[in-house]
Protein backbone atom coordinates (compact mmCIF):
# COMPACT_ATOMS: atom_id res chain seq x y z
CA MET A 1 0.06 -0.13 0.01
CA THR A 2 1.37 3.20 -0.99
CA GLN A 3 1.89 6.18 1.65
CA LEU A 4 0.87 9.39 0.95
CA ARG A 5 3.83 12.26 1.57
CA THR A 6 2.90 14.54 3.88
CA ASP A 7 6.28 16.33 3.91
CA ARG A 8 5.93 18.66 0.79
CA PRO A 9 7.03 21.94 0.89
CA HIS A 10 4.10 24.15 2.20
CA HIS A 11 3.33 27.59 -0.12
CA PRO A 12 1.67 30.08 1.93
CA GLU A 13 -0.86 32.28 0.66
CA PRO A 14 0.49 35.17 -1.27
CA LEU A 15 0.33 38.29 0.77
CA PRO A 16 -1.88 41.00 -0.68
CA ARG A 17 0.30 43.34 -2.09
CA LYS A 18 0.94 46.82 -0.03
CA GLU A 19 -0.68 49.75 -1.31
CA SER A 20 1.79 53.06 -1.62
CA ALA A 21 0.05 56.17 0.23
CA VAL A 22 -0.67 57.83 -3.43
CA ASP A 23 -2.55 54.55 -4.28
CA ARG A 24 -4.60 54.64 -0.89
CA PHE A 25 -5.46 58.58 -1.13
CA PHE A 26 -6.76 58.08 -4.89
CA ARG A 27 -7.80 54.57 -4.45
CA ILE A 28 -6.15 53.45 -7.29
CA SER A 29 -6.43 49.45 -7.03
CA ARG A 30 -9.85 49.66 -5.81
CA ARG A 31 -11.06 51.41 -8.55
CA GLY A 32 -9.29 48.60 -11.03
CA SER A 33 -6.52 51.15 -12.01
CA THR A 34 -2.52 51.79 -11.82
CA VAL A 35 -0.63 54.53 -11.82
CA GLY A 36 0.59 54.61 -15.41
CA ARG A 37 -2.87 54.29 -16.69
CA GLU A 38 -4.02 57.31 -14.53
CA VAL A 39 -0.50 58.94 -16.01
CA ARG A 40 -1.51 58.51 -19.66
CA GLY A 41 -5.27 59.13 -19.02
CA GLY A 42 -4.21 62.38 -18.06
CA ILE A 43 -1.96 63.04 -20.63
CA THR A 44 -4.44 62.11 -23.04
CA THR A 45 -7.16 64.26 -21.95
CA PHE A 46 -4.81 66.97 -21.80
CA VAL A 47 -3.74 66.88 -25.23
CA ALA A 48 -7.57 66.32 -26.18
CA MET A 49 -8.86 69.40 -24.49
CA CYS A 50 -5.83 71.73 -24.40
CA TYR A 51 -6.96 73.70 -27.19
CA ILE A 52 -9.20 75.86 -25.17
CA VAL A 53 -5.81 77.48 -24.38
CA LEU A 54 -6.23 79.13 -27.80
CA LEU A 55 -9.77 79.53 -28.04
CA ASN A 56 -10.58 81.15 -24.96
CA PRO A 57 -8.24 83.70 -25.98
CA LEU A 58 -10.12 83.98 -29.48
CA ILE A 59 -13.67 84.59 -27.95
CA LEU A 60 -12.93 86.71 -25.06
CA GLY A 61 -10.29 88.87 -27.11
CA ALA A 62 -13.17 89.40 -30.00
CA SER A 63 -15.18 91.69 -28.05
CA ALA A 64 -14.57 95.02 -26.21
CA ASP A 65 -16.35 95.95 -23.10
CA ILE A 66 -18.41 99.12 -22.67
CA THR A 67 -15.71 101.24 -22.47
CA GLY A 68 -13.78 99.88 -25.80
CA ALA A 69 -11.16 98.12 -24.26
CA ARG A 70 -10.16 94.81 -25.36
CA LEU A 71 -8.62 91.97 -23.59
CA THR A 72 -4.83 90.54 -24.99
CA THR A 73 -3.95 87.36 -25.98
CA GLU A 74 -1.50 87.36 -23.27
CA GLN A 75 -3.79 87.91 -20.67
CA VAL A 76 -6.48 85.60 -21.63
CA THR A 77 -3.98 82.81 -22.20
CA THR A 78 -2.57 82.83 -18.66
CA ALA A 79 -5.96 83.23 -17.08
CA THR A 80 -7.27 80.49 -19.20
CA ALA A 81 -3.95 78.24 -18.41
CA LEU A 82 -3.97 79.40 -14.79
CA ALA A 83 -7.74 78.48 -14.00
CA ALA A 84 -7.52 75.35 -15.84
CA GLY A 85 -4.57 73.81 -13.77
CA ILE A 86 -5.75 75.08 -10.19
CA THR A 87 -9.54 73.81 -10.76
CA THR A 88 -8.26 70.41 -12.30
CA ILE A 89 -5.80 69.81 -9.40
CA LEU A 90 -8.32 70.78 -7.11
CA MET A 91 -10.58 67.97 -9.06
CA GLY A 92 -8.15 65.58 -8.67
CA LEU A 93 -8.03 66.19 -4.60
CA VAL A 94 -11.05 67.13 -3.59
CA GLY A 95 -13.31 65.07 -5.92
CA ASN A 96 -11.23 62.34 -7.12
CA ALA A 97 -12.32 61.94 -10.44
CA PRO A 98 -11.15 61.91 -13.73
CA LEU A 99 -12.63 65.25 -14.80
CA ALA A 100 -10.76 67.88 -15.91
CA LEU A 101 -12.09 71.68 -15.75
CA ALA A 102 -11.61 74.80 -18.39
CA ALA A 103 -12.83 77.64 -19.46
CA GLY A 104 -16.57 76.43 -20.80
CA LEU A 105 -17.39 77.20 -24.35
CA GLY A 106 -20.42 78.82 -25.10
CA VAL A 107 -20.39 80.70 -21.50
CA ASN A 108 -17.28 82.38 -22.36
CA GLY A 109 -19.45 83.48 -25.23
CA VAL A 110 -21.86 85.02 -22.78
CA VAL A 111 -19.23 87.02 -21.26
CA ALA A 112 -17.46 88.27 -24.41
CA PHE A 113 -20.30 89.04 -26.46
CA GLN A 114 -23.63 89.67 -24.19
CA MET A 115 -22.07 90.74 -20.88
CA ALA A 116 -18.47 92.65 -21.74
CA PRO A 117 -20.47 95.31 -24.31
CA ALA A 118 -23.08 95.92 -21.58
CA MET A 119 -20.21 96.82 -18.31
CA THR A 120 -16.23 96.51 -18.04
CA TRP A 121 -14.36 93.83 -17.93
CA ALA A 122 -13.81 93.56 -14.00
CA GLN A 123 -17.79 93.96 -13.70
CA ALA A 124 -18.38 91.10 -16.11
CA PHE A 125 -15.69 88.78 -14.27
CA GLY A 126 -17.11 89.96 -10.94
CA LEU A 127 -20.53 88.40 -12.23
CA VAL A 128 -18.12 84.88 -13.24
CA VAL A 129 -17.15 85.18 -9.29
CA LEU A 130 -20.95 85.75 -8.27
CA GLU A 131 -22.25 82.83 -10.51
CA GLY A 132 -19.58 80.32 -8.83
CA VAL A 133 -20.21 81.54 -5.36
CA CYS A 134 -24.29 81.12 -6.22
CA ILE A 135 -23.26 77.37 -7.35
CA VAL A 136 -21.49 76.40 -4.47
CA LEU A 137 -24.30 77.51 -2.17
CA MET A 138 -26.68 76.08 -4.36
CA ALA A 139 -24.58 72.86 -4.07
CA VAL A 140 -24.16 72.80 -0.19
CA SER A 141 -27.90 73.49 0.13
CA GLY A 142 -29.47 71.48 -2.10
CA VAL A 143 -31.18 74.10 -4.09
CA ARG A 144 -29.10 73.32 -6.84
CA GLU A 145 -31.21 69.75 -7.40
CA ARG A 146 -34.60 72.02 -6.97
CA ILE A 147 -33.88 74.26 -9.86
CA ILE A 148 -32.68 71.09 -12.50
CA ASN A 149 -35.98 69.40 -11.33
CA ALA A 150 -37.96 72.53 -12.13
CA ILE A 151 -36.54 73.08 -15.64
CA PRO A 152 -38.21 70.43 -18.25
CA ALA A 153 -35.76 68.24 -19.37
CA PRO A 154 -36.58 69.00 -23.53
CA LEU A 155 -35.45 73.00 -22.47
CA LYS A 156 -32.32 71.47 -20.99
CA VAL A 157 -31.69 69.92 -24.15
CA ALA A 158 -32.25 72.85 -25.89
CA ILE A 159 -29.98 75.01 -24.55
CA THR A 160 -27.41 72.74 -25.16
CA VAL A 161 -28.28 72.30 -28.81
CA GLY A 162 -28.69 76.29 -28.87
CA ILE A 163 -25.46 76.93 -28.05
CA GLY A 164 -23.89 74.40 -30.08
CA LEU A 165 -25.61 76.48 -33.11
CA TYR A 166 -24.36 79.85 -31.29
CA ILE A 167 -20.70 78.28 -31.02
CA ALA A 168 -20.36 77.13 -34.65
CA LEU A 169 -21.84 80.52 -35.64
CA VAL A 170 -19.54 82.34 -33.84
CA GLY A 171 -16.32 80.12 -35.95
CA LEU A 172 -17.70 80.91 -38.70
CA VAL A 173 -17.92 84.55 -38.07
CA SER A 174 -14.40 84.78 -36.74
CA ALA A 175 -12.84 82.61 -39.52
CA GLY A 176 -14.67 84.77 -42.55
CA PHE A 177 -16.79 82.29 -43.91
CA VAL A 178 -19.80 83.92 -42.96
CA THR A 179 -20.11 87.70 -42.87
CA ARG A 180 -22.37 90.21 -42.56
CA THR A 181 -23.99 92.11 -45.54
CA PRO A 182 -22.88 95.56 -45.87
CA ASP A 183 -26.54 96.85 -46.77
CA ALA A 184 -28.34 94.17 -44.61
CA ALA A 185 -31.27 97.06 -44.23
CA HIS A 186 -31.87 96.93 -47.98
CA SER A 187 -31.28 93.22 -48.38
CA THR A 188 -33.30 90.46 -48.01
CA VAL A 189 -29.85 88.65 -46.69
CA PRO A 190 -28.73 89.74 -43.31
CA VAL A 191 -25.47 87.50 -43.76
CA ARG A 192 -23.70 85.67 -46.77
CA MET A 193 -20.49 83.44 -47.28
CA GLY A 194 -17.37 84.93 -47.16
CA LEU A 195 -16.84 88.29 -48.94
CA GLY A 196 -19.16 89.29 -51.58
CA GLY A 197 -20.90 85.87 -51.37
CA HIS A 198 -17.83 84.11 -52.50
CA LEU A 199 -14.88 82.07 -51.00
CA THR A 200 -11.34 84.09 -51.47
CA GLY A 201 -8.13 84.53 -50.40
CA TRP A 202 -5.57 82.39 -48.18
CA PRO A 203 -7.27 82.89 -44.88
CA ILE A 204 -10.26 81.00 -46.03
CA VAL A 205 -8.35 78.07 -47.45
CA ILE A 206 -6.70 77.71 -44.22
CA PHE A 207 -9.94 77.38 -42.19
CA CYS A 208 -11.15 75.21 -44.89
CA LEU A 209 -8.39 72.62 -44.88
CA GLY A 210 -8.28 72.83 -41.09
CA LEU A 211 -11.82 72.30 -40.80
CA LEU A 212 -12.07 69.36 -43.52
CA LEU A 213 -9.06 67.64 -41.52
CA MET A 214 -10.43 68.11 -37.92
CA ILE A 215 -13.49 66.43 -39.35
CA VAL A 216 -11.53 63.12 -40.76
CA LEU A 217 -9.50 63.08 -37.52
CA VAL A 218 -12.60 63.47 -34.98
CA SER A 219 -14.42 61.08 -37.13
CA ARG A 220 -11.49 58.25 -37.25
CA GLY A 221 -11.27 58.78 -33.13
CA VAL A 222 -7.62 60.04 -33.25
CA PRO A 223 -6.91 61.41 -29.88
CA GLY A 224 -5.83 64.80 -29.80
CA ALA A 225 -8.04 65.37 -33.05
CA VAL A 226 -8.67 68.89 -32.35
CA LEU A 227 -5.51 69.98 -31.03
CA ILE A 228 -3.67 68.43 -33.89
CA SER A 229 -5.82 70.08 -36.52
CA ILE A 230 -5.52 73.40 -34.88
CA LEU A 231 -1.65 73.14 -35.38
CA THR A 232 -1.38 71.76 -38.22
CA ALA A 233 -3.55 74.62 -39.65
CA THR A 234 -1.35 76.87 -38.10
CA VAL A 235 1.85 75.59 -39.56
CA LEU A 236 0.42 75.92 -42.86
CA ALA A 237 -1.13 79.78 -42.22
CA VAL A 238 2.78 80.37 -41.02
CA ALA A 239 3.94 79.05 -44.35
CA VAL A 240 1.51 80.80 -46.68
CA ASP A 241 1.59 84.26 -44.46
CA ALA A 242 5.93 83.99 -45.16
CA VAL A 243 5.81 83.13 -48.95
CA PHE A 244 2.60 85.70 -49.72
CA ARG A 245 2.54 88.12 -47.18
CA VAL A 246 -0.95 88.18 -46.99
CA ASP A 247 -2.85 91.02 -45.19
CA SER A 248 -6.28 89.38 -44.31
CA TRP A 249 -5.71 87.26 -41.10
CA GLY A 250 -7.50 89.79 -39.13
CA LEU A 251 -6.75 90.02 -34.86
CA VAL A 252 -3.66 87.90 -34.96
CA GLU A 253 -1.55 87.31 -38.28
CA PRO A 254 0.75 83.89 -37.89
CA LYS A 255 4.27 85.02 -37.68
CA VAL A 256 6.96 82.99 -35.13
CA PRO A 257 7.10 84.57 -31.95
CA ASP A 258 10.59 85.57 -31.49
CA HIS A 259 10.64 83.77 -28.24
CA ILE A 260 8.68 80.62 -27.03
CA VAL A 261 9.12 80.54 -23.45
CA ALA A 262 7.80 84.00 -21.58
CA SER A 263 6.89 84.79 -18.03
CA PRO A 264 3.20 84.73 -17.89
CA ASP A 265 0.65 87.70 -17.65
CA PHE A 266 -1.14 87.53 -14.55
CA SER A 267 -2.32 91.69 -15.36
CA LEU A 268 -6.38 90.23 -14.89
CA LEU A 269 -5.40 88.45 -11.88
CA GLY A 270 -8.22 89.88 -9.00
CA HIS A 271 -9.23 92.33 -11.15
CA ILE A 272 -13.16 92.20 -10.59
CA ASP A 273 -15.92 94.33 -9.64
CA LEU A 274 -18.29 92.15 -7.97
CA PHE A 275 -21.43 94.47 -8.03
CA GLY A 276 -20.36 97.49 -10.26
CA GLY A 277 -22.18 95.07 -13.35
CA PHE A 278 -25.98 95.67 -11.99
CA ALA A 279 -25.08 99.50 -12.00
CA SER A 280 -23.73 99.68 -15.24
CA ALA A 281 -25.88 97.32 -17.38
CA GLY A 282 -29.24 97.50 -15.13
CA ALA A 283 -30.10 95.26 -12.37
CA VAL A 284 -32.19 93.18 -14.19
CA THR A 285 -30.07 92.77 -17.16
CA ALA A 286 -27.57 91.68 -15.04
CA ALA A 287 -29.67 89.31 -12.63
CA VAL A 288 -30.36 87.76 -15.72
CA PHE A 289 -26.80 87.46 -17.08
CA LEU A 290 -25.96 86.06 -13.83
CA PHE A 291 -29.03 83.60 -13.95
CA THR A 292 -27.77 82.70 -17.57
CA LEU A 293 -24.27 81.67 -16.37
CA VAL A 294 -25.31 79.84 -13.30
CA LEU A 295 -27.95 78.10 -15.65
CA SER A 296 -25.64 76.96 -18.42
CA GLY A 297 -23.07 75.96 -16.04
CA PHE A 298 -25.60 73.83 -13.92
CA PHE A 299 -26.64 71.62 -16.93
CA ASP A 300 -23.49 71.17 -19.11
CA ALA A 301 -21.80 69.73 -15.88
CA MET A 302 -24.59 67.58 -14.51
CA GLY A 303 -24.55 66.18 -17.98
CA THR A 304 -20.83 66.19 -18.23
CA ILE A 305 -19.88 64.68 -14.96
CA THR A 306 -23.05 61.91 -15.43
CA SER A 307 -21.92 60.54 -18.61
CA VAL A 308 -18.27 60.86 -18.35
CA SER A 309 -18.77 58.90 -14.73
CA GLU A 310 -21.00 56.28 -15.90
CA GLU A 311 -17.74 55.70 -18.55
CA ALA A 312 -15.55 55.56 -15.51
CA GLY A 313 -17.48 53.16 -13.35
CA LEU A 314 -18.36 55.47 -10.81
CA VAL A 315 -21.83 55.55 -10.97
CA LYS A 316 -23.36 53.03 -8.38
CA ASP A 317 -27.28 52.25 -7.70
CA GLY A 318 -27.69 55.39 -10.07
CA LYS A 319 -25.31 57.90 -7.90
CA VAL A 320 -21.90 59.36 -9.07
CA GLU A 321 -19.53 58.55 -6.33
CA GLY A 322 -18.54 61.71 -4.63
CA MET A 323 -21.18 63.61 -6.39
CA GLY A 324 -21.47 66.86 -3.79
CA ARG A 325 -17.68 66.96 -3.65
CA ILE A 326 -17.41 66.84 -7.59
CA LEU A 327 -20.12 69.58 -7.85
CA LEU A 328 -18.37 71.84 -4.87
CA VAL A 329 -15.39 72.02 -7.04
CA ASP A 330 -17.32 72.53 -10.29
CA GLY A 331 -18.66 75.69 -8.34
CA VAL A 332 -15.58 76.67 -7.20
CA GLY A 333 -14.04 76.62 -11.04
CA ALA A 334 -16.70 79.09 -12.02
CA PHE A 335 -15.08 81.50 -9.10
CA ALA A 336 -11.47 80.34 -10.25
CA GLY A 337 -12.52 81.73 -13.51
CA GLY A 338 -13.62 85.00 -12.76
CA ILE A 339 -10.64 85.61 -10.22
CA THR A 340 -8.20 84.90 -12.84
CA GLY A 341 -9.99 86.86 -15.52
CA SER A 342 -11.10 84.12 -18.13
CA ALA A 343 -14.30 82.71 -18.11
CA PRO A 344 -16.59 80.29 -16.04
CA ASN A 345 -14.88 76.92 -15.88
CA THR A 346 -16.22 73.89 -15.79
CA VAL A 347 -16.17 70.10 -16.42
CA PHE A 348 -15.00 69.28 -20.00
CA LEU A 349 -16.61 66.57 -21.75
CA GLU A 350 -13.09 65.88 -23.24
CA SER A 351 -12.20 64.01 -20.12
CA ALA A 352 -13.73 60.86 -21.74
CA ALA A 353 -10.60 60.77 -23.79
CA GLY A 354 -8.59 60.07 -20.58
CA VAL A 355 -11.42 57.74 -19.05
CA GLY A 356 -10.80 55.98 -22.19
CA GLU A 357 -7.06 55.51 -21.66
CA GLY A 358 -7.86 54.02 -18.61
CA ALA A 359 -8.36 57.08 -15.92
CA ARG A 360 -9.96 56.33 -12.60
CA THR A 361 -9.16 58.49 -10.18
CA GLY A 362 -8.10 61.89 -9.61
CA LEU A 363 -4.65 60.97 -9.96
CA ALA A 364 -5.37 61.72 -13.87
CA SER A 365 -6.90 65.12 -13.06
CA ILE A 366 -3.32 65.94 -11.16
CA ILE A 367 -1.68 65.43 -14.42
CA THR A 368 -3.73 66.94 -16.70
CA GLY A 369 -3.98 70.05 -14.40
CA GLY A 370 -0.05 70.01 -14.11
CA LEU A 371 0.18 70.24 -17.84
CA PHE A 372 -2.40 72.98 -18.09
CA THR A 373 0.19 74.99 -15.70
CA ALA A 374 2.83 74.18 -17.55
CA THR A 375 1.28 76.06 -20.51
CA LEU A 376 1.56 79.32 -18.60
CA PHE A 377 5.13 79.69 -19.60
CA LEU A 378 4.42 79.36 -23.39
CA THR A 379 2.18 82.10 -23.72
CA PRO A 380 3.83 83.68 -26.72
CA LEU A 381 2.95 80.07 -28.73
CA ALA A 382 -1.03 81.38 -28.43
CA ALA A 383 -0.21 84.46 -30.61
CA VAL A 384 0.62 82.92 -33.42
CA VAL A 385 -2.33 80.79 -33.73
CA PRO A 386 -4.73 82.76 -36.23
CA ALA A 387 -8.93 82.69 -36.08
CA GLN A 388 -8.69 80.74 -39.07
CA ALA A 389 -6.76 78.00 -37.70
CA ALA A 390 -8.78 77.74 -33.93
CA ALA A 391 -12.15 78.33 -35.62
CA PRO A 392 -12.84 75.14 -37.03
CA ALA A 393 -12.66 73.55 -33.00
CA LEU A 394 -15.95 75.77 -32.77
CA VAL A 395 -17.89 74.45 -35.87
CA VAL A 396 -16.81 71.04 -34.79
CA ILE A 397 -17.83 71.28 -31.32
CA GLY A 398 -20.81 72.84 -32.01
CA GLY A 399 -21.79 69.98 -34.62
CA MET A 400 -21.20 67.22 -31.78
CA MET A 401 -23.33 69.14 -29.59
CA MET A 402 -26.23 69.07 -31.85
CA ALA A 403 -26.25 65.61 -31.63
CA GLN A 404 -28.34 66.31 -28.40
CA CYS A 405 -31.19 66.89 -30.65
CA ARG A 406 -32.15 63.00 -30.46
CA ARG A 407 -33.37 63.52 -27.00
CA ILE A 408 -36.02 66.27 -27.72
CA PRO A 409 -39.35 64.60 -28.26
CA TRP A 410 -40.36 66.69 -31.14
CA GLN A 411 -44.13 64.59 -31.17
CA GLU A 412 -45.02 66.59 -28.41
CA LEU A 413 -46.72 69.78 -29.02
CA ASP A 414 -46.30 71.29 -25.58
CA PHE A 415 -42.42 71.08 -26.11
CA ALA A 416 -41.86 71.37 -29.91
CA ILE A 417 -42.64 75.23 -30.04
CA PRO A 418 -40.69 76.28 -26.72
CA VAL A 419 -37.74 74.23 -27.77
CA PHE A 420 -37.57 75.37 -31.36
CA LEU A 421 -37.44 78.72 -30.01
CA THR A 422 -34.65 77.96 -27.51
CA ILE A 423 -32.22 76.92 -30.13
CA ALA A 424 -33.17 79.13 -33.10
CA LEU A 425 -32.84 82.45 -31.12
CA ILE A 426 -29.93 81.61 -29.13
CA PRO A 427 -27.80 81.57 -32.43
CA PHE A 428 -30.01 84.01 -34.70
CA THR A 429 -29.93 86.93 -31.86
CA TYR A 430 -26.45 85.78 -30.61
CA SER A 431 -27.96 85.68 -27.39
CA ILE A 432 -28.12 82.74 -24.97
CA THR A 433 -30.41 84.74 -22.69
CA ASN A 434 -32.82 85.57 -25.53
CA GLY A 435 -33.30 81.93 -26.23
CA ILE A 436 -33.29 80.61 -22.81
CA GLY A 437 -36.30 83.35 -21.87
CA ALA A 438 -38.21 82.59 -24.81
CA GLY A 439 -38.12 78.93 -24.77
CA LEU A 440 -39.24 79.07 -20.78
CA ILE A 441 -42.01 81.84 -21.35
CA ALA A 442 -43.35 79.82 -24.35
CA TYR A 443 -43.69 76.92 -22.17
CA VAL A 444 -45.39 78.41 -19.43
CA LEU A 445 -47.69 79.97 -21.45
CA ILE A 446 -48.60 76.73 -23.21
CA ARG A 447 -49.20 75.10 -19.98
CA VAL A 448 -51.31 78.07 -18.52
CA GLY A 449 -53.24 78.06 -21.77
CA LYS A 450 -54.21 74.35 -21.56
CA GLY A 451 -55.00 74.64 -18.16
CA LYS A 452 -52.15 73.23 -16.62
CA ILE A 453 -50.91 75.88 -14.15
CA ARG A 454 -50.42 73.48 -11.59
CA GLU A 455 -47.41 71.28 -13.60
CA VAL A 456 -45.61 74.83 -14.11
CA GLY A 457 -44.97 75.31 -10.33
CA TRP A 458 -44.24 78.53 -8.64
CA LEU A 459 -40.67 78.36 -9.09
CA LEU A 460 -40.67 78.04 -13.31
CA GLY A 461 -43.45 80.67 -12.87
CA ILE A 462 -41.02 83.05 -11.40
CA LEU A 463 -38.29 82.31 -13.75
CA ALA A 464 -40.94 82.97 -16.45
CA ALA A 465 -42.17 86.36 -15.04
CA VAL A 466 -38.13 87.61 -14.47
CA PHE A 467 -37.54 86.90 -18.33
CA ALA A 468 -40.73 88.68 -19.16
CA VAL A 469 -39.04 92.12 -17.04
CA TYR A 470 -35.97 91.42 -19.32
CA PHE A 471 -37.24 91.45 -22.56
CA GLY A 472 -39.65 94.44 -21.87
CA ILE A 473 -37.34 96.18 -19.62
CA GLU A 474 -36.71 99.23 -22.09
CA GLY A 475 -40.72 99.74 -22.48
CA ILE A 476 -40.94 99.38 -18.77
CA THR A 477 -38.11 102.21 -18.06
CA SER A 478 -39.73 104.26 -20.67
CA TRP A 479 -43.26 104.73 -19.24
CA PHE A 480 -42.13 104.86 -15.97
């Protein structure tokens, strides 16, 4: 009979790997990630969204305030990079989420083209700071959720779609692809394509080539497609300008700077006037501007945070892990945008690019924020990029925002007209405020007209009344 051996060497169970301090703080292993993936994801997110450092100066620099003052490219580039770096790092440390923040496209258009012409830049940035304070207070108190629930979902989607059209129009106009008809008062066509109805000149060629390249790269899912397209178009513009001596670029001529590295321009830092805008633009107008900023910041951030967190596996039982802290940082982002002289900072959808590379924690945001901070010393490069090279990003991003149309119940007439007014009036009147107000008022009137006043609610009724006063402010003022 064979006896079983019992003297085989004993192999103990492997001890669990000891987590490093960084691993424990960010919960990297617990979320199924690694430091390498977080670093790669953070870099990918930066590459996907750092175009904002080029585009925000284009938008804010395209407008003058009530005194005629304009912001320089160096000022806005520094402010944009500084705010993005600070808020994204803060998101990593406090929110522990792979979400990057920067100046929001659309809301920066409100600051540039709606608020600044009615007040000084300091007063406009003061309202941006107040927006951040409002969002923080609402996030802490729970009021944010009540307001979100009060606005019908189709109108929320319509705001996003309308802003998409608005951004695209700004891009087309900045590039010179769309121009105002000189005798618009005597013409049936208020705007036209190019000059004289034709596309001519090297700047338009650069814009078209950049746009086509960006469309191809984005459709193929190439990481950094927007940035690659902008840089390629800029290089072409520099070469064309050097050979043909083009003089029709607009505000920025694509010339190689004397130096690449320079000290940041912090002249806008802390340059704010919190309440002066209420005196310059009028209390009602300034209040509506503030409401528009808060409303836009609400829904852009909520949708982005939810969708990116879902992809990162951070949604459990229908709730985003650490949502309260994430919303708090989002509010601080708007505050930081005003303090630095940029625009309200919000979570970028491009954060999904980093998540696709494996990012699951706030360490990725630390990497992204660090790279944004590094761009503070490369501001001369931003002065090389002409509008024709950067504007294609506005058109493409605007088109991507239009995809939200599929979520609108067009067959329901109670929503069809309010949604249409919101989407159409935002670009047609160059005002996000006008679109939101018209859509909200139309929705409330339709509900009241059908005897469904109780479905409107007191909060929505008050908001509609505020917009009614805003639209009639000139008549009311003259009557009194």
